[in-house]
Amino acid sequence: MKCPVCTVDLDTATNTRPGDIRAPVPGDFTVCFRCASVLRFADDGTVTHVPDSEILHPELRRDLERARAIVRKIQGELSRGKPVS
C-alpha cells in the first residue's frame, strides 16, 4: 500500500501503546515515515489521510503528534547524514 500524501510504499505500522502488539485493524491510526502525515486504516486494508482538524480526542492527538515529532527528528538526522540514535 502507498501513503496517499507522498506515495511512499508503506510496509509496516507502529503502535504507540507499549505492549500492544497486534496487526492494525480498520480505524487504527499510523504516521507515514516519509512525510509524517496521519493516516487511518480503512476496511479494505488501505490507508486514508486524516486532516489535523479531524483528530479531536486530546490523548490521540498527543500520541500522534509525538509520533510525528519522532519521524521529523529522524528525517532531519538522516538528511544531515547523522546516525539515528
N, C-alpha and C. Protein backbone atom coordinates (compact mmCIF):
# COMPACT_ATOMS: atom_id res chain seq x y z
N MET A 1 0.84 -1.17 0.00
CA MET A 1 0.00 0.00 0.00
C MET A 1 0.89 1.23 0.00
N LYS A 2 0.35 2.35 -0.41
CA LYS A 2 1.11 3.60 -0.51
C LYS A 2 0.49 4.68 0.36
N CYS A 3 1.35 5.59 0.82
CA CYS A 3 0.85 6.77 1.52
C CYS A 3 0.09 7.61 0.51
N PRO A 4 -1.14 8.00 0.83
CA PRO A 4 -1.92 8.81 -0.11
C PRO A 4 -1.41 10.24 -0.24
N VAL A 5 -0.48 10.65 0.61
CA VAL A 5 0.04 12.01 0.56
C VAL A 5 1.32 12.06 -0.26
N CYS A 6 2.32 11.20 0.08
CA CYS A 6 3.62 11.28 -0.59
C CYS A 6 3.90 10.08 -1.49
N THR A 7 3.04 9.10 -1.51
CA THR A 7 3.09 7.88 -2.33
C THR A 7 4.22 6.91 -2.00
N VAL A 8 4.89 7.07 -0.86
CA VAL A 8 5.90 6.10 -0.46
C VAL A 8 5.21 4.76 -0.16
N ASP A 9 5.90 3.66 -0.46
CA ASP A 9 5.36 2.35 -0.11
C ASP A 9 5.37 2.18 1.40
N LEU A 10 4.25 1.76 1.95
CA LEU A 10 4.13 1.52 3.39
C LEU A 10 4.13 0.01 3.60
N ASP A 11 5.04 -0.47 4.44
CA ASP A 11 5.09 -1.91 4.67
C ASP A 11 5.08 -2.27 6.15
N THR A 12 4.87 -1.28 7.01
CA THR A 12 4.82 -1.57 8.44
C THR A 12 4.03 -0.47 9.15
N ALA A 13 3.61 -0.76 10.35
CA ALA A 13 2.92 0.22 11.18
C ALA A 13 3.40 0.03 12.61
N THR A 14 3.51 1.12 13.34
CA THR A 14 3.97 1.06 14.72
C THR A 14 2.85 1.47 15.65
N ASN A 15 2.65 0.68 16.68
CA ASN A 15 1.65 1.00 17.68
C ASN A 15 2.29 1.94 18.70
N THR A 16 1.58 2.97 19.11
CA THR A 16 2.13 3.93 20.07
C THR A 16 1.89 3.51 21.51
N ARG A 17 1.16 2.43 21.72
CA ARG A 17 0.88 1.97 23.09
C ARG A 17 1.82 0.82 23.45
N PRO A 18 2.68 1.02 24.45
CA PRO A 18 3.62 -0.03 24.84
C PRO A 18 2.92 -1.34 25.18
N GLY A 19 3.49 -2.43 24.68
CA GLY A 19 2.96 -3.75 24.99
C GLY A 19 1.80 -4.19 24.13
N ASP A 20 1.26 -3.31 23.31
CA ASP A 20 0.11 -3.65 22.45
C ASP A 20 0.65 -4.09 21.09
N ILE A 21 0.91 -5.39 20.97
CA ILE A 21 1.49 -5.93 19.73
C ILE A 21 0.39 -6.65 18.97
N ARG A 22 -0.03 -6.05 17.88
CA ARG A 22 -1.07 -6.67 17.04
C ARG A 22 -1.04 -6.02 15.67
N ALA A 23 -1.65 -6.67 14.73
CA ALA A 23 -1.77 -6.09 13.39
C ALA A 23 -2.81 -4.97 13.43
N PRO A 24 -2.63 -3.96 12.58
CA PRO A 24 -3.62 -2.87 12.56
C PRO A 24 -4.98 -3.36 12.07
N VAL A 25 -6.00 -2.74 12.59
CA VAL A 25 -7.38 -3.04 12.19
C VAL A 25 -8.01 -1.76 11.66
N PRO A 26 -9.10 -1.88 10.89
CA PRO A 26 -9.75 -0.67 10.38
C PRO A 26 -10.06 0.31 11.51
N GLY A 27 -9.73 1.56 11.25
CA GLY A 27 -9.94 2.61 12.24
C GLY A 27 -8.68 2.99 12.99
N ASP A 28 -7.66 2.11 12.98
CA ASP A 28 -6.39 2.42 13.63
C ASP A 28 -5.67 3.53 12.88
N PHE A 29 -4.85 4.26 13.61
CA PHE A 29 -4.07 5.35 13.03
C PHE A 29 -2.60 4.93 12.91
N THR A 30 -1.90 5.55 11.97
CA THR A 30 -0.47 5.41 11.84
C THR A 30 0.08 6.72 11.29
N VAL A 31 1.40 6.82 11.25
CA VAL A 31 2.05 8.03 10.73
C VAL A 31 3.02 7.59 9.64
N CYS A 32 2.97 8.25 8.49
CA CYS A 32 3.88 7.94 7.39
C CYS A 32 5.31 8.30 7.81
N PHE A 33 6.24 7.37 7.58
CA PHE A 33 7.63 7.59 7.97
C PHE A 33 8.34 8.59 7.08
N ARG A 34 7.83 8.84 5.87
CA ARG A 34 8.48 9.82 5.00
C ARG A 34 7.93 11.22 5.21
N CYS A 35 6.61 11.39 5.19
CA CYS A 35 6.04 12.74 5.21
C CYS A 35 5.38 13.11 6.54
N ALA A 36 5.29 12.17 7.47
CA ALA A 36 4.71 12.38 8.81
C ALA A 36 3.21 12.70 8.77
N SER A 37 2.55 12.33 7.69
CA SER A 37 1.10 12.52 7.63
C SER A 37 0.40 11.49 8.51
N VAL A 38 -0.69 11.90 9.12
CA VAL A 38 -1.51 10.98 9.90
C VAL A 38 -2.41 10.22 8.94
N LEU A 39 -2.42 8.90 9.10
CA LEU A 39 -3.20 8.03 8.22
C LEU A 39 -4.09 7.13 9.07
N ARG A 40 -5.20 6.69 8.48
CA ARG A 40 -6.12 5.77 9.16
C ARG A 40 -6.35 4.56 8.27
N PHE A 41 -6.29 3.37 8.89
CA PHE A 41 -6.55 2.15 8.14
C PHE A 41 -8.04 2.05 7.81
N ALA A 42 -8.31 1.72 6.53
CA ALA A 42 -9.68 1.58 6.05
C ALA A 42 -10.10 0.11 6.08
N ASP A 43 -11.38 -0.14 5.85
CA ASP A 43 -11.91 -1.51 5.86
C ASP A 43 -11.24 -2.40 4.82
N ASP A 44 -10.79 -1.81 3.71
CA ASP A 44 -10.20 -2.61 2.62
C ASP A 44 -8.69 -2.81 2.78
N GLY A 45 -8.11 -2.39 3.91
CA GLY A 45 -6.69 -2.58 4.15
C GLY A 45 -5.80 -1.46 3.66
N THR A 46 -6.38 -0.49 2.99
CA THR A 46 -5.62 0.68 2.56
C THR A 46 -5.59 1.70 3.70
N VAL A 47 -4.93 2.82 3.45
CA VAL A 47 -4.93 3.91 4.43
C VAL A 47 -5.44 5.18 3.77
N THR A 48 -6.06 6.03 4.58
CA THR A 48 -6.53 7.32 4.10
C THR A 48 -5.88 8.41 4.94
N HIS A 49 -5.71 9.58 4.33
CA HIS A 49 -5.14 10.73 5.04
C HIS A 49 -6.17 11.28 6.01
N VAL A 50 -5.71 11.66 7.19
CA VAL A 50 -6.60 12.25 8.21
C VAL A 50 -6.12 13.67 8.49
N PRO A 51 -6.91 14.66 8.11
CA PRO A 51 -6.53 16.05 8.39
C PRO A 51 -6.47 16.30 9.90
N ASP A 52 -5.58 17.19 10.31
CA ASP A 52 -5.44 17.52 11.74
C ASP A 52 -6.78 17.92 12.36
N SER A 53 -7.62 18.59 11.59
CA SER A 53 -8.91 19.07 12.12
C SER A 53 -9.84 17.93 12.51
N GLU A 54 -9.57 16.70 12.03
CA GLU A 54 -10.42 15.56 12.36
C GLU A 54 -9.92 14.78 13.58
N ILE A 55 -8.77 15.15 14.11
CA ILE A 55 -8.21 14.44 15.27
C ILE A 55 -8.66 15.21 16.52
N LEU A 56 -9.80 14.79 17.07
CA LEU A 56 -10.43 15.56 18.13
C LEU A 56 -10.08 15.10 19.53
N HIS A 57 -9.80 13.83 19.72
CA HIS A 57 -9.53 13.31 21.05
C HIS A 57 -8.15 13.77 21.51
N PRO A 58 -8.05 14.47 22.66
CA PRO A 58 -6.78 15.04 23.11
C PRO A 58 -5.65 14.01 23.28
N GLU A 59 -5.96 12.84 23.84
CA GLU A 59 -4.92 11.82 24.05
C GLU A 59 -4.41 11.28 22.71
N LEU A 60 -5.33 11.05 21.78
CA LEU A 60 -4.94 10.59 20.44
C LEU A 60 -4.10 11.64 19.74
N ARG A 61 -4.52 12.90 19.82
CA ARG A 61 -3.77 13.99 19.20
C ARG A 61 -2.35 14.05 19.77
N ARG A 62 -2.23 13.90 21.09
CA ARG A 62 -0.92 13.93 21.73
C ARG A 62 -0.04 12.78 21.24
N ASP A 63 -0.60 11.57 21.21
CA ASP A 63 0.16 10.40 20.76
C ASP A 63 0.62 10.56 19.31
N LEU A 64 -0.27 11.04 18.45
CA LEU A 64 0.09 11.20 17.04
C LEU A 64 1.11 12.31 16.86
N GLU A 65 0.99 13.40 17.60
CA GLU A 65 1.97 14.47 17.50
C GLU A 65 3.34 14.01 17.99
N ARG A 66 3.36 13.18 19.01
CA ARG A 66 4.63 12.61 19.48
C ARG A 66 5.27 11.75 18.39
N ALA A 67 4.47 10.91 17.75
CA ALA A 67 4.98 10.06 16.67
C ALA A 67 5.46 10.90 15.50
N ARG A 68 4.72 11.94 15.15
CA ARG A 68 5.14 12.82 14.05
C ARG A 68 6.44 13.54 14.37
N ALA A 69 6.61 13.96 15.62
CA ALA A 69 7.84 14.64 16.02
C ALA A 69 9.04 13.69 15.91
N ILE A 70 8.85 12.44 16.26
CA ILE A 70 9.93 11.46 16.15
C ILE A 70 10.29 11.26 14.68
N VAL A 71 9.29 11.12 13.83
CA VAL A 71 9.55 10.95 12.39
C VAL A 71 10.32 12.15 11.85
N ARG A 72 9.89 13.35 12.21
CA ARG A 72 10.58 14.55 11.71
C ARG A 72 12.02 14.63 12.23
N LYS A 73 12.24 14.23 13.48
CA LYS A 73 13.60 14.24 14.03
C LYS A 73 14.48 13.26 13.28
N ILE A 74 14.00 12.06 13.07
CA ILE A 74 14.78 11.05 12.36
C ILE A 74 15.05 11.51 10.93
N GLN A 75 14.04 12.03 10.26
CA GLN A 75 14.23 12.50 8.88
C GLN A 75 15.27 13.62 8.84
N GLY A 76 15.26 14.53 9.83
CA GLY A 76 16.24 15.60 9.88
C GLY A 76 17.64 15.07 10.08
N GLU A 77 17.79 14.08 10.96
CA GLU A 77 19.11 13.48 11.19
C GLU A 77 19.60 12.75 9.94
N LEU A 78 18.71 12.05 9.27
CA LEU A 78 19.10 11.34 8.06
C LEU A 78 19.53 12.31 6.96
N SER A 79 18.82 13.44 6.86
CA SER A 79 19.15 14.41 5.81
C SER A 79 20.48 15.08 6.07
N ARG A 80 20.93 15.11 7.34
CA ARG A 80 22.22 15.69 7.67
C ARG A 80 23.32 14.64 7.73
N GLY A 81 22.98 13.39 7.41
CA GLY A 81 23.96 12.31 7.41
C GLY A 81 24.35 11.82 8.77
N LYS A 82 23.57 12.17 9.79
CA LYS A 82 23.89 11.73 11.15
C LYS A 82 23.30 10.35 11.39
N PRO A 83 23.99 9.53 12.18
CA PRO A 83 23.38 8.23 12.56
C PRO A 83 22.17 8.47 13.44
N VAL A 84 21.17 7.65 13.27
CA VAL A 84 19.94 7.79 14.04
C VAL A 84 20.13 7.12 15.38
N SER A 85 19.84 7.89 16.46
CA SER A 85 20.02 7.33 17.81
C SER A 85 18.67 6.98 18.42
